[in-house]
Every structure is written in C-alpha cells, then in structure tokens.
Amino acid sequence: IKKDATALAAKLETVTLSIGAKAGESGKIFGKVNSIQIADALKAQGFDVDRRRITFETEPKTVGEYLANLNLHKEVKVQVPFEVVAE
C-alpha cells in the first residue's frame, strides 16, 4: 500500500488544479471550496483520492492560490497546489 501511495504521490506532484467558485467583486467567494471539489477535480484528471484524506493549509475563502494536503498513507503526504478562480 505504501509503494502505491508513493507512486501516486510522485504523479500528483506535477498536478495543478483550478477550482471555479462564485465570487463577489472583492474576490471573496460565496460559501467555500471544500475537499469534495478537490477530489472531483483530481478524479477529472484521472486520480482517485478519497475526500477524507484532503486537508487545507489555509481555508480557501477568496480567489487565489492555495495548497491542499493529501494524506495518501501515514508516511506518504503530498501537497497539491490549486487556484480558486471566479466563475
């Protein structure tokens, strides 16, 4: 399991995601970006990651760039950058 997680982590290091969210003129988004949206974006690129394994460095509340922490195994963690864009 650890070997599979390590291989997946190596592939995920090259991934950058873009998440669309409704935002006001100030850049503040309505609601919030959550782990389900990150998991869906990863699935669209061919990566199956359980949403419960995804956490955030800082909660995405405005348009901008963030990091998602993926805990693939107790010893294998990877950070995936993502950008929140206004729809």
Protein backbone atom coordinates (compact mmCIF):
# COMPACT_ATOMS: atom_id res chain seq x y z
CA ILE A 1 0.00 0.00 0.00
CA LYS A 2 2.84 2.37 0.85
CA LYS A 3 4.50 1.68 -2.51
CA ASP A 4 1.27 2.51 -4.37
CA ALA A 5 0.84 5.68 -2.30
CA THR A 6 4.43 6.73 -3.07
CA ALA A 7 3.89 6.19 -6.80
CA LEU A 8 0.67 8.20 -6.71
CA ALA A 9 2.39 10.99 -4.75
CA ALA A 10 5.10 11.23 -7.43
CA LYS A 11 2.44 11.68 -10.13
CA LEU A 12 0.47 14.20 -8.07
CA GLU A 13 3.49 16.49 -7.59
CA THR A 14 3.10 17.71 -11.19
CA VAL A 15 -0.65 18.41 -10.91
CA THR A 16 -2.12 21.90 -10.63
CA LEU A 17 -5.86 22.31 -10.19
CA SER A 18 -8.24 25.13 -10.96
CA ILE A 19 -11.46 25.32 -8.92
CA GLY A 20 -14.28 27.61 -10.01
CA ALA A 21 -16.33 29.41 -7.36
CA LYS A 22 -18.85 32.21 -7.35
CA ALA A 23 -17.12 35.32 -6.04
CA GLY A 24 -18.01 38.92 -5.29
CA GLU A 25 -16.20 41.90 -6.75
CA SER A 26 -13.78 42.00 -3.82
CA GLY A 27 -12.63 38.45 -4.59
CA LYS A 28 -14.35 36.89 -1.58
CA ILE A 29 -16.05 33.64 -2.58
CA PHE A 30 -19.61 32.73 -1.62
CA GLY A 31 -19.52 29.61 0.52
CA LYS A 32 -16.17 27.83 0.50
CA VAL A 33 -14.07 25.43 -1.50
CA ASN A 34 -14.13 22.01 0.14
CA SER A 35 -12.38 18.65 -0.11
CA ILE A 36 -15.16 17.22 -2.31
CA GLN A 37 -14.40 19.79 -5.03
CA ILE A 38 -10.67 18.98 -4.83
CA ALA A 39 -11.40 15.22 -5.02
CA ASP A 40 -13.68 15.77 -8.05
CA ALA A 41 -11.04 17.89 -9.81
CA LEU A 42 -8.42 15.19 -9.17
CA LYS A 43 -10.81 12.50 -10.45
CA ALA A 44 -11.32 14.52 -13.65
CA GLN A 45 -7.54 14.29 -14.20
CA GLY A 46 -7.51 10.54 -13.54
CA PHE A 47 -6.54 10.44 -9.84
CA ASP A 48 -8.80 8.69 -7.35
CA VAL A 49 -8.21 10.26 -3.92
CA ASP A 50 -10.67 9.88 -1.05
CA ARG A 51 -12.01 13.30 0.00
CA ARG A 52 -11.46 12.43 3.68
CA ARG A 53 -7.70 12.38 3.02
CA ILE A 54 -7.67 16.01 1.84
CA THR A 55 -6.99 18.94 4.17
CA PHE A 56 -6.05 22.56 3.60
CA GLU A 57 -3.11 24.69 4.80
CA THR A 58 -5.48 27.67 4.97
CA GLU A 59 -9.19 27.64 4.26
CA PRO A 60 -9.86 28.99 0.74
CA LYS A 61 -12.14 31.98 1.30
CA THR A 62 -11.01 34.29 -1.51
CA VAL A 63 -9.90 33.97 -5.12
CA GLY A 64 -6.23 32.99 -5.24
CA GLU A 65 -3.72 30.16 -4.92
CA TYR A 66 -3.73 27.59 -2.13
CA LEU A 67 -2.26 24.22 -1.15
CA ALA A 68 -4.21 21.04 -0.49
CA ASN A 69 -2.58 18.39 1.72
CA LEU A 70 -3.21 14.83 0.58
CA ASN A 71 -2.55 12.18 3.21
CA LEU A 72 -2.17 9.13 0.98
CA HIS A 73 -0.60 6.95 3.68
CA LYS A 74 0.55 7.57 7.25
CA GLU A 75 4.09 8.03 5.89
CA VAL A 76 3.22 9.47 2.45
CA LYS A 77 1.90 13.02 2.18
CA VAL A 78 1.89 15.36 -0.80
CA GLN A 79 0.83 18.96 -1.36
CA VAL A 80 -1.13 19.81 -4.48
CA PRO A 81 -1.39 23.48 -5.48
CA PHE A 82 -4.77 24.73 -6.63
CA GLU A 83 -6.17 28.04 -7.74
CA VAL A 84 -9.60 29.34 -6.89
CA VAL A 85 -10.99 31.32 -9.84
CA ALA A 86 -14.17 33.39 -10.08
CA GLU A 87 -16.92 31.94 -12.26
